[in-house]
Amino acid sequence: MEIFFNSSMPRAGSTLLQNILGNHPDVYATPTSPLFEFVNSVRQNYTKSSLVKAQNAEQMKSAMYQFCLYGMHGFFNGLTEKSYVIDKSRAWGVNYELLRNIYPNPRIVCMIRDLRDIVASMEKNYRKHPDILSGKNTIEKRVADWMGIEGKPVGVTLNNLKEVFHRGFNKNILFIRHEDLTKSPQKMMDIVHDYLGIKSHIYDFSNIKQVTFEDDKFHGIYGDHKIKGVVAPVKSTAKEVLGEMICNQIYENYKWYFQIFNYTK
């Protein structure tokens, strides 16, 4: 079994990518996965344990990495017999250094999207639930809340992505724009297949069967992990939803993101 990793921006098509890959006969695709949390718990115990500290440091480090590696394989052996697995968690990218010590030469795919449309998607979900008291009472305050360094899920993930580029981990990650995947799905999936090193597959993009399932009530009002089944270009609604002024503010405040991923103002 070979394990791959999906570490993407929120509202950027990571669930769609998982389900497309899950329609490949040789691939098992996870919903949002707890695997990183399991690995991180091992790391936390390894860091704090006096029993670990009392032994040879290099041996304990090697043992911890091997424990995580075999644990990852054991986790998926309990779920599937397929040859390939792609595990979805936003944490893998920024933890690339840890991951590559556990799983040498890991292959990570990161879905990204125009940041204005990511925020607009959050706002649209907010508006679906006027009965629930959630967040701030103006668009501008909500955007500031979501985009802050500790803002979930956008700000935290965006800050982690910046760290990925600061540390050069981006050289080892395949970035796929949501806009490109929905416009030219087979072309982009051929790029994904080539990067992962798996056999090419012709998908029926008019009928992508949902193979990942998670209960969105545990993700709150912003959880949205259902796919439409038809992959087609998605029109930008950012200016319509957020207004031009806020869209311009997002562009100016996060110009590095727009420039790296070739999004125009």
C-alpha atoms as a PDB file:
ATOM      1  CA  MET A   1       0.000   0.000   0.000  1.00  0.00           C
ATOM      2  CA  GLU A   2       1.195   3.510  -0.840  1.00  0.00           C
ATOM      3  CA  ILE A   3      -0.139   6.532   1.025  1.00  0.00           C
ATOM      4  CA  PHE A   4      -0.568  10.007  -0.476  1.00  0.00           C
ATOM      5  CA  PHE A   5      -1.715  13.192   1.222  1.00  0.00           C
ATOM      6  CA  ASN A   6      -4.257  15.928   0.452  1.00  0.00           C
ATOM      7  CA  SER A   7      -3.473  19.094   2.421  1.00  0.00           C
ATOM      8  CA  SER A   8      -5.589  21.862   0.948  1.00  0.00           C
ATOM      9  CA  MET A   9      -7.121  25.253   1.566  1.00  0.00           C
ATOM     10  CA  PRO A  10     -10.696  25.170   2.919  1.00  0.00           C
ATOM     11  CA  ARG A  11     -13.557  25.598   0.426  1.00  0.00           C
ATOM     12  CA  ALA A  12     -11.081  24.937  -2.400  1.00  0.00           C
ATOM     13  CA  GLY A  13     -12.249  21.578  -3.749  1.00  0.00           C
ATOM     14  CA  SER A  14     -10.405  19.116  -1.513  1.00  0.00           C
ATOM     15  CA  THR A  15     -13.581  17.050  -1.035  1.00  0.00           C
ATOM     16  CA  LEU A  16     -14.156  17.097  -4.791  1.00  0.00           C
ATOM     17  CA  LEU A  17     -10.590  15.923  -5.456  1.00  0.00           C
ATOM     18  CA  GLN A  18     -10.930  13.138  -2.885  1.00  0.00           C
ATOM     19  CA  ASN A  19     -14.092  11.879  -4.509  1.00  0.00           C
ATOM     20  CA  ILE A  20     -12.697  12.040  -8.032  1.00  0.00           C
ATOM     21  CA  LEU A  21      -9.681  10.019  -6.906  1.00  0.00           C
ATOM     22  CA  GLY A  22     -12.004   7.721  -4.973  1.00  0.00           C
ATOM     23  CA  ASN A  23     -13.655   6.844  -8.294  1.00  0.00           C
ATOM     24  CA  HIS A  24     -10.314   5.393  -9.430  1.00  0.00           C
ATOM     25  CA  PRO A  25     -10.525   1.601  -8.973  1.00  0.00           C
ATOM     26  CA  ASP A  26      -7.147   1.405  -7.194  1.00  0.00           C
ATOM     27  CA  VAL A  27      -7.531   4.374  -4.831  1.00  0.00           C
ATOM     28  CA  TYR A  28      -9.094   4.646  -1.382  1.00  0.00           C
ATOM     29  CA  ALA A  29      -9.846   8.295  -0.529  1.00  0.00           C
ATOM     30  CA  THR A  30     -10.600   9.423   3.007  1.00  0.00           C
ATOM     31  CA  PRO A  31     -12.990  12.099   4.218  1.00  0.00           C
ATOM     32  CA  THR A  32     -11.399  14.608   6.603  1.00  0.00           C
ATOM     33  CA  SER A  33      -9.109  12.216   8.419  1.00  0.00           C
ATOM     34  CA  PRO A  34      -8.020  11.866  12.068  1.00  0.00           C
ATOM     35  CA  LEU A  35      -4.723  10.246  11.058  1.00  0.00           C
ATOM     36  CA  PHE A  36      -2.593  13.344  11.644  1.00  0.00           C
ATOM     37  CA  GLU A  37      -4.135  13.726  15.115  1.00  0.00           C
ATOM     38  CA  PHE A  38      -3.096  10.149  15.921  1.00  0.00           C
ATOM     39  CA  VAL A  39       0.453  10.809  14.706  1.00  0.00           C
ATOM     40  CA  ASN A  40       0.636  14.110  16.570  1.00  0.00           C
ATOM     41  CA  SER A  41      -0.518  12.429  19.799  1.00  0.00           C
ATOM     42  CA  VAL A  42       2.405  10.023  19.484  1.00  0.00           C
ATOM     43  CA  ARG A  43       4.748  12.984  18.956  1.00  0.00           C
ATOM     44  CA  GLN A  44       3.349  14.760  22.024  1.00  0.00           C
ATOM     45  CA  ASN A  45       3.819  11.709  24.236  1.00  0.00           C
ATOM     46  CA  TYR A  46       7.298  11.102  22.839  1.00  0.00           C
ATOM     47  CA  THR A  47       8.204  14.732  23.651  1.00  0.00           C
ATOM     48  CA  LYS A  48       6.885  14.652  27.227  1.00  0.00           C
ATOM     49  CA  SER A  49       7.516  11.108  28.395  1.00  0.00           C
ATOM     50  CA  SER A  50      10.199  10.664  31.067  1.00  0.00           C
ATOM     51  CA  LEU A  51      10.394   7.007  30.005  1.00  0.00           C
ATOM     52  CA  VAL A  52      11.482   8.133  26.550  1.00  0.00           C
ATOM     53  CA  LYS A  53      13.926  10.700  27.938  1.00  0.00           C
ATOM     54  CA  ALA A  54      15.599   8.051  30.084  1.00  0.00           C
ATOM     55  CA  GLN A  55      16.652   6.051  27.009  1.00  0.00           C
ATOM     56  CA  ASN A  56      18.976   6.571  24.053  1.00  0.00           C
ATOM     57  CA  ALA A  57      17.694   9.674  22.237  1.00  0.00           C
ATOM     58  CA  GLU A  58      18.511   8.604  18.679  1.00  0.00           C
ATOM     59  CA  GLN A  59      17.038   5.137  19.179  1.00  0.00           C
ATOM     60  CA  MET A  60      13.847   6.587  20.648  1.00  0.00           C
ATOM     61  CA  LYS A  61      13.531   9.043  17.759  1.00  0.00           C
ATOM     62  CA  SER A  62      13.934   6.247  15.208  1.00  0.00           C
ATOM     63  CA  ALA A  63      11.482   4.051  17.123  1.00  0.00           C
ATOM     64  CA  MET A  64       8.905   6.847  17.275  1.00  0.00           C
ATOM     65  CA  TYR A  65       9.089   7.446  13.521  1.00  0.00           C
ATOM     66  CA  GLN A  66       8.781   3.719  12.812  1.00  0.00           C
ATOM     67  CA  PHE A  67       5.858   3.426  15.225  1.00  0.00           C
ATOM     68  CA  CYS A  68       4.066   6.197  13.314  1.00  0.00           C
ATOM     69  CA  LEU A  69       4.877   4.651   9.928  1.00  0.00           C
ATOM     70  CA  TYR A  70       3.546   1.220  10.839  1.00  0.00           C
ATOM     71  CA  GLY A  71       0.623   2.835  12.636  1.00  0.00           C
ATOM     72  CA  MET A  72      -0.336   4.724   9.463  1.00  0.00           C
ATOM     73  CA  HIS A  73      -0.266   1.520   7.452  1.00  0.00           C
ATOM     74  CA  GLY A  74      -2.164  -0.330  10.157  1.00  0.00           C
ATOM     75  CA  PHE A  75      -4.814   2.394  10.206  1.00  0.00           C
ATOM     76  CA  PHE A  76      -5.480   1.954   6.498  1.00  0.00           C
ATOM     77  CA  ASN A  77      -5.184  -1.831   6.567  1.00  0.00           C
ATOM     78  CA  GLY A  78      -8.240  -1.671   8.804  1.00  0.00           C
ATOM     79  CA  LEU A  79     -10.119   0.349   6.178  1.00  0.00           C
ATOM     80  CA  THR A  80      -9.177  -0.922   2.728  1.00  0.00           C
ATOM     81  CA  GLU A  81      -7.314  -3.459   0.651  1.00  0.00           C
ATOM     82  CA  LYS A  82      -6.693  -1.035  -2.218  1.00  0.00           C
ATOM     83  CA  SER A  83      -3.166  -0.332  -3.455  1.00  0.00           C
ATOM     84  CA  TYR A  84      -3.269   3.431  -2.914  1.00  0.00           C
ATOM     85  CA  VAL A  85      -4.665   5.704  -0.224  1.00  0.00           C
ATOM     86  CA  ILE A  86      -4.992   9.470  -0.206  1.00  0.00           C
ATOM     87  CA  ASP A  87      -5.407  10.913   3.280  1.00  0.00           C
ATOM     88  CA  LYS A  88      -7.059  14.305   3.661  1.00  0.00           C
ATOM     89  CA  SER A  89      -5.910  16.674   6.407  1.00  0.00           C
ATOM     90  CA  ARG A  90      -4.985  20.369   6.295  1.00  0.00           C
ATOM     91  CA  ALA A  91      -2.143  19.664   8.734  1.00  0.00           C
ATOM     92  CA  TRP A  92       0.167  17.639   6.479  1.00  0.00           C
ATOM     93  CA  GLY A  93       1.642  20.524   4.466  1.00  0.00           C
ATOM     94  CA  VAL A  94       2.922  22.633   7.330  1.00  0.00           C
ATOM     95  CA  ASN A  95       4.126  19.445   9.060  1.00  0.00           C
ATOM     96  CA  TYR A  96       6.033  18.287   5.986  1.00  0.00           C
ATOM     97  CA  GLU A  97       9.301  17.903   7.905  1.00  0.00           C
ATOM     98  CA  LEU A  98       7.696  15.536  10.418  1.00  0.00           C
ATOM     99  CA  LEU A  99       5.918  13.634   7.668  1.00  0.00           C
ATOM    100  CA  ARG A 100       9.005  13.045   5.536  1.00  0.00           C
ATOM    101  CA  ASN A 101      10.851  11.607   8.570  1.00  0.00           C
ATOM    102  CA  ILE A 102       7.992   9.147   9.015  1.00  0.00           C
ATOM    103  CA  TYR A 103       7.158   8.573   5.358  1.00  0.00           C
ATOM    104  CA  PRO A 104      10.141   9.278   3.062  1.00  0.00           C
ATOM    105  CA  ASN A 105       9.437  11.377  -0.047  1.00  0.00           C
ATOM    106  CA  PRO A 106       5.750  11.953   0.702  1.00  0.00           C
ATOM    107  CA  ARG A 107       3.566  13.226  -2.134  1.00  0.00           C
ATOM    108  CA  ILE A 108       1.169  15.967  -1.117  1.00  0.00           C
ATOM    109  CA  VAL A 109      -1.528  17.581  -3.246  1.00  0.00           C
ATOM    110  CA  CYS A 110      -2.831  21.004  -2.220  1.00  0.00           C
ATOM    111  CA  MET A 111      -6.040  22.415  -3.681  1.00  0.00           C
ATOM    112  CA  ILE A 112      -6.122  26.202  -3.758  1.00  0.00           C
ATOM    113  CA  ARG A 113      -8.713  28.714  -4.969  1.00  0.00           C
ATOM    114  CA  ASP A 114      -9.123  32.445  -5.422  1.00  0.00           C
ATOM    115  CA  LEU A 115      -9.103  33.618  -1.809  1.00  0.00           C
ATOM    116  CA  ARG A 116     -12.041  35.939  -2.458  1.00  0.00           C
ATOM    117  CA  ASP A 117     -14.176  32.984  -3.524  1.00  0.00           C
ATOM    118  CA  ILE A 118     -13.077  30.969  -0.495  1.00  0.00           C
ATOM    119  CA  VAL A 119     -14.305  33.757   1.763  1.00  0.00           C
ATOM    120  CA  ALA A 120     -17.472  34.214  -0.311  1.00  0.00           C
ATOM    121  CA  SER A 121     -18.207  30.513   0.132  1.00  0.00           C
ATOM    122  CA  MET A 122     -17.869  30.937   3.911  1.00  0.00           C
ATOM    123  CA  GLU A 123     -20.221  33.916   3.792  1.00  0.00           C
ATOM    124  CA  LYS A 124     -22.806  31.985   1.761  1.00  0.00           C
ATOM    125  CA  ASN A 125     -22.807  29.207   4.350  1.00  0.00           C
ATOM    126  CA  TYR A 126     -23.182  31.791   7.118  1.00  0.00           C
ATOM    127  CA  ARG A 127     -26.261  33.212   5.407  1.00  0.00           C
ATOM    128  CA  LYS A 128     -27.931  29.809   5.209  1.00  0.00           C
ATOM    129  CA  HIS A 129     -28.324  29.803   9.005  1.00  0.00           C
ATOM    130  CA  PRO A 130     -29.863  33.098  10.182  1.00  0.00           C
ATOM    131  CA  ASP A 131     -31.366  31.183  13.114  1.00  0.00           C
ATOM    132  CA  ILE A 132     -27.926  30.451  14.579  1.00  0.00           C
ATOM    133  CA  LEU A 133     -25.935  33.123  16.397  1.00  0.00           C
ATOM    134  CA  SER A 134     -22.511  32.749  14.854  1.00  0.00           C
ATOM    135  CA  GLY A 135     -19.643  35.146  14.304  1.00  0.00           C
ATOM    136  CA  LYS A 136     -19.815  38.917  13.846  1.00  0.00           C
ATOM    137  CA  ASN A 137     -22.775  40.975  12.618  1.00  0.00           C
ATOM    138  CA  THR A 138     -21.199  42.542   9.499  1.00  0.00           C
ATOM    139  CA  ILE A 139     -19.427  41.083   6.484  1.00  0.00           C
ATOM    140  CA  GLU A 140     -16.304  43.106   7.206  1.00  0.00           C
ATOM    141  CA  LYS A 141     -16.097  41.821  10.792  1.00  0.00           C
ATOM    142  CA  ARG A 142     -16.780  38.251   9.710  1.00  0.00           C
ATOM    143  CA  VAL A 143     -14.069  38.402   7.058  1.00  0.00           C
ATOM    144  CA  ALA A 144     -11.593  39.813   9.596  1.00  0.00           C
ATOM    145  CA  ASP A 145     -12.562  37.008  11.990  1.00  0.00           C
ATOM    146  CA  TRP A 146     -12.129  34.247   9.388  1.00  0.00           C
ATOM    147  CA  MET A 147      -8.895  35.678   8.004  1.00  0.00           C
ATOM    148  CA  GLY A 148      -7.107  36.362  11.299  1.00  0.00           C
ATOM    149  CA  ILE A 149      -3.991  34.333  12.104  1.00  0.00           C
ATOM    150  CA  GLU A 150      -6.042  32.102  14.405  1.00  0.00           C
ATOM    151  CA  GLY A 151      -9.207  32.369  12.311  1.00  0.00           C
ATOM    152  CA  LYS A 152     -10.727  28.987  11.508  1.00  0.00           C
ATOM    153  CA  PRO A 153     -10.629  27.511   9.036  1.00  0.00           C
ATOM    154  CA  VAL A 154      -9.274  30.107   6.594  1.00  0.00           C
ATOM    155  CA  GLY A 155      -6.786  32.186   8.579  1.00  0.00           C
ATOM    156  CA  VAL A 156      -5.029  29.274  10.265  1.00  0.00           C
ATOM    157  CA  THR A 157      -4.706  27.346   7.007  1.00  0.00           C
ATOM    158  CA  LEU A 158      -3.545  30.431   5.107  1.00  0.00           C
ATOM    159  CA  ASN A 159      -0.894  31.141   7.737  1.00  0.00           C
ATOM    160  CA  ASN A 160       0.255  27.511   7.530  1.00  0.00           C
ATOM    161  CA  LEU A 161       0.472  27.832   3.751  1.00  0.00           C
ATOM    162  CA  LYS A 162       2.666  30.909   4.125  1.00  0.00           C
ATOM    163  CA  GLU A 163       4.945  28.857   6.393  1.00  0.00           C
ATOM    164  CA  VAL A 164       5.091  26.140   3.721  1.00  0.00           C
ATOM    165  CA  PHE A 165       6.527  28.719   1.306  1.00  0.00           C
ATOM    166  CA  HIS A 166       8.818  30.318   3.904  1.00  0.00           C
ATOM    167  CA  ARG A 167      10.430  26.938   4.578  1.00  0.00           C
ATOM    168  CA  GLY A 168      10.519  25.761   0.982  1.00  0.00           C
ATOM    169  CA  PHE A 169       8.171  22.814   1.493  1.00  0.00           C
ATOM    170  CA  ASN A 170       6.182  24.040  -1.514  1.00  0.00           C
ATOM    171  CA  LYS A 171       8.855  22.538  -3.804  1.00  0.00           C
ATOM    172  CA  ASN A 172       7.614  19.097  -2.765  1.00  0.00           C
ATOM    173  CA  ILE A 173       3.873  19.796  -3.093  1.00  0.00           C
ATOM    174  CA  LEU A 174       1.610  19.699  -6.155  1.00  0.00           C
ATOM    175  CA  PHE A 175      -0.703  22.729  -6.187  1.00  0.00           C
ATOM    176  CA  ILE A 176      -3.950  22.450  -8.164  1.00  0.00           C
ATOM    177  CA  ARG A 177      -6.224  25.438  -8.661  1.00  0.00           C
ATOM    178  CA  HIS A 178      -9.909  24.741  -8.088  1.00  0.00           C
ATOM    179  CA  GLU A 179     -10.696  26.816 -11.156  1.00  0.00           C
ATOM    180  CA  ASP A 180      -8.441  24.641 -13.348  1.00  0.00           C
ATOM    181  CA  LEU A 181      -9.792  21.366 -11.974  1.00  0.00           C
ATOM    182  CA  THR A 182     -13.402  22.345 -12.654  1.00  0.00           C
ATOM    183  CA  LYS A 183     -12.611  23.796 -16.091  1.00  0.00           C
ATOM    184  CA  SER A 184     -10.317  21.015 -17.405  1.00  0.00           C
ATOM    185  CA  PRO A 185     -10.865  18.078 -15.049  1.00  0.00           C
ATOM    186  CA  GLN A 186      -9.297  15.249 -17.068  1.00  0.00           C
ATOM    187  CA  LYS A 187      -6.238  17.325 -17.923  1.00  0.00           C
ATOM    188  CA  MET A 188      -5.713  18.221 -14.265  1.00  0.00           C
ATOM    189  CA  MET A 189      -6.338  14.675 -13.073  1.00  0.00           C
ATOM    190  CA  ASP A 190      -3.726  13.413 -15.554  1.00  0.00           C
ATOM    191  CA  ILE A 191      -1.281  15.806 -13.846  1.00  0.00           C
ATOM    192  CA  VAL A 192      -2.312  14.421 -10.450  1.00  0.00           C
ATOM    193  CA  HIS A 193      -1.918  10.808 -11.664  1.00  0.00           C
ATOM    194  CA  ASP A 194       1.537  11.566 -13.027  1.00  0.00           C
ATOM    195  CA  TYR A 195       2.642  13.257  -9.801  1.00  0.00           C
ATOM    196  CA  LEU A 196       1.333  10.426  -7.616  1.00  0.00           C
ATOM    197  CA  GLY A 197       2.676   7.767  -9.951  1.00  0.00           C
ATOM    198  CA  ILE A 198      -0.591   5.888 -10.331  1.00  0.00           C
ATOM    199  CA  LYS A 199      -2.170   4.422 -13.438  1.00  0.00           C
ATOM    200  CA  SER A 200      -4.117   6.914 -15.526  1.00  0.00           C
ATOM    201  CA  HIS A 201      -7.889   6.650 -15.405  1.00  0.00           C
ATOM    202  CA  ILE A 202     -10.640   8.182 -17.524  1.00  0.00           C
ATOM    203  CA  TYR A 203     -13.321   9.556 -15.209  1.00  0.00           C
ATOM    204  CA  ASP A 204     -16.959  10.241 -15.968  1.00  0.00           C
ATOM    205  CA  PHE A 205     -17.081  13.851 -14.844  1.00  0.00           C
ATOM    206  CA  SER A 206     -20.828  13.967 -15.435  1.00  0.00           C
ATOM    207  CA  ASN A 207     -21.285  11.317 -12.761  1.00  0.00           C
ATOM    208  CA  ILE A 208     -18.660  11.369 -10.004  1.00  0.00           C
ATOM    209  CA  LYS A 209     -19.992   9.092  -7.277  1.00  0.00           C
ATOM    210  CA  GLN A 210     -19.549  10.352  -3.727  1.00  0.00           C
ATOM    211  CA  VAL A 211     -17.364   7.876  -1.856  1.00  0.00           C
ATOM    212  CA  THR A 212     -16.383   9.953   1.199  1.00  0.00           C
ATOM    213  CA  PHE A 213     -18.927  10.617   3.902  1.00  0.00           C
ATOM    214  CA  GLU A 214     -18.821  12.708   7.063  1.00  0.00           C
ATOM    215  CA  ASP A 215     -21.518  14.183   9.266  1.00  0.00           C
ATOM    216  CA  ASP A 216     -21.341  17.934   8.758  1.00  0.00           C
ATOM    217  CA  LYS A 217     -23.124  18.675  12.017  1.00  0.00           C
ATOM    218  CA  PHE A 218     -19.772  18.027  13.718  1.00  0.00           C
ATOM    219  CA  HIS A 219     -18.159  20.738  11.561  1.00  0.00           C
ATOM    220  CA  GLY A 220     -20.720  23.425  12.402  1.00  0.00           C
ATOM    221  CA  ILE A 221     -22.484  25.698   9.918  1.00  0.00           C
ATOM    222  CA  TYR A 222     -19.409  25.976   7.685  1.00  0.00           C
ATOM    223  CA  GLY A 223     -19.137  22.240   7.117  1.00  0.00           C
ATOM    224  CA  ASP A 224     -20.005  21.313   3.547  1.00  0.00           C
ATOM    225  CA  HIS A 225     -18.633  17.972   2.424  1.00  0.00           C
ATOM    226  CA  LYS A 226     -21.136  16.931  -0.212  1.00  0.00           C
ATOM    227  CA  ILE A 227     -20.288  17.039  -3.911  1.00  0.00           C
ATOM    228  CA  LYS A 228     -22.643  17.688  -6.796  1.00  0.00           C
ATOM    229  CA  GLY A 229     -21.414  14.751  -8.861  1.00  0.00           C
ATOM    230  CA  VAL A 230     -20.987  16.829 -12.008  1.00  0.00           C
ATOM    231  CA  VAL A 231     -17.643  18.573 -12.445  1.00  0.00           C
ATOM    232  CA  ALA A 232     -18.136  21.839 -14.314  1.00  0.00           C
ATOM    233  CA  PRO A 233     -16.631  25.346 -14.254  1.00  0.00           C
ATOM    234  CA  VAL A 234     -17.735  27.400 -11.250  1.00  0.00           C
ATOM    235  CA  LYS A 235     -18.484  31.091 -11.758  1.00  0.00           C
ATOM    236  CA  SER A 236     -16.907  33.512  -9.302  1.00  0.00           C
ATOM    237  CA  THR A 237     -19.501  35.104  -6.987  1.00  0.00           C
ATOM    238  CA  ALA A 238     -17.075  36.943  -4.721  1.00  0.00           C
ATOM    239  CA  LYS A 239     -17.957  40.504  -5.768  1.00  0.00           C
ATOM    240  CA  GLU A 240     -21.647  39.702  -5.710  1.00  0.00           C
ATOM    241  CA  VAL A 241     -21.474  38.203  -2.205  1.00  0.00           C
ATOM    242  CA  LEU A 242     -18.791  40.317  -0.522  1.00  0.00           C
ATOM    243  CA  GLY A 243     -18.845  43.538  -2.509  1.00  0.00           C
ATOM    244  CA  GLU A 244     -16.000  45.079  -4.487  1.00  0.00           C
ATOM    245  CA  MET A 245     -14.484  46.980  -1.569  1.00  0.00           C
ATOM    246  CA  ILE A 246     -13.975  43.879   0.589  1.00  0.00           C
ATOM    247  CA  CYS A 247     -12.728  41.889  -2.406  1.00  0.00           C
ATOM    248  CA  ASN A 248     -10.121  44.594  -3.036  1.00  0.00           C
ATOM    249  CA  GLN A 249      -9.124  44.571   0.643  1.00  0.00           C
ATOM    250  CA  ILE A 250      -8.597  40.801   0.552  1.00  0.00           C
ATOM    251  CA  TYR A 251      -6.459  41.165  -2.578  1.00  0.00           C
ATOM    252  CA  GLU A 252      -4.283  43.922  -1.093  1.00  0.00           C
ATOM    253  CA  ASN A 253      -3.883  42.207   2.287  1.00  0.00           C
ATOM    254  CA  TYR A 254      -2.903  38.847   0.788  1.00  0.00           C
ATOM    255  CA  LYS A 255      -1.190  39.892  -2.412  1.00  0.00           C
ATOM    256  CA  TRP A 256       1.491  37.225  -1.931  1.00  0.00           C
ATOM    257  CA  TYR A 257      -1.159  34.501  -2.331  1.00  0.00           C
ATOM    258  CA  PHE A 258      -2.665  36.024  -5.466  1.00  0.00           C
ATOM    259  CA  GLN A 259       0.747  36.518  -7.056  1.00  0.00           C
ATOM    260  CA  ILE A 260       2.038  33.019  -6.269  1.00  0.00           C
ATOM    261  CA  PHE A 261      -1.056  31.334  -7.684  1.00  0.00           C
ATOM    262  CA  ASN A 262      -1.617  33.754 -10.599  1.00  0.00           C
ATOM    263  CA  TYR A 263      -4.922  35.322  -9.594  1.00  0.00           C
ATOM    264  CA  THR A 264      -5.567  38.778 -11.001  1.00  0.00           C
ATOM    265  CA  LYS A 265      -7.210  41.682  -9.219  1.00  0.00           C
END
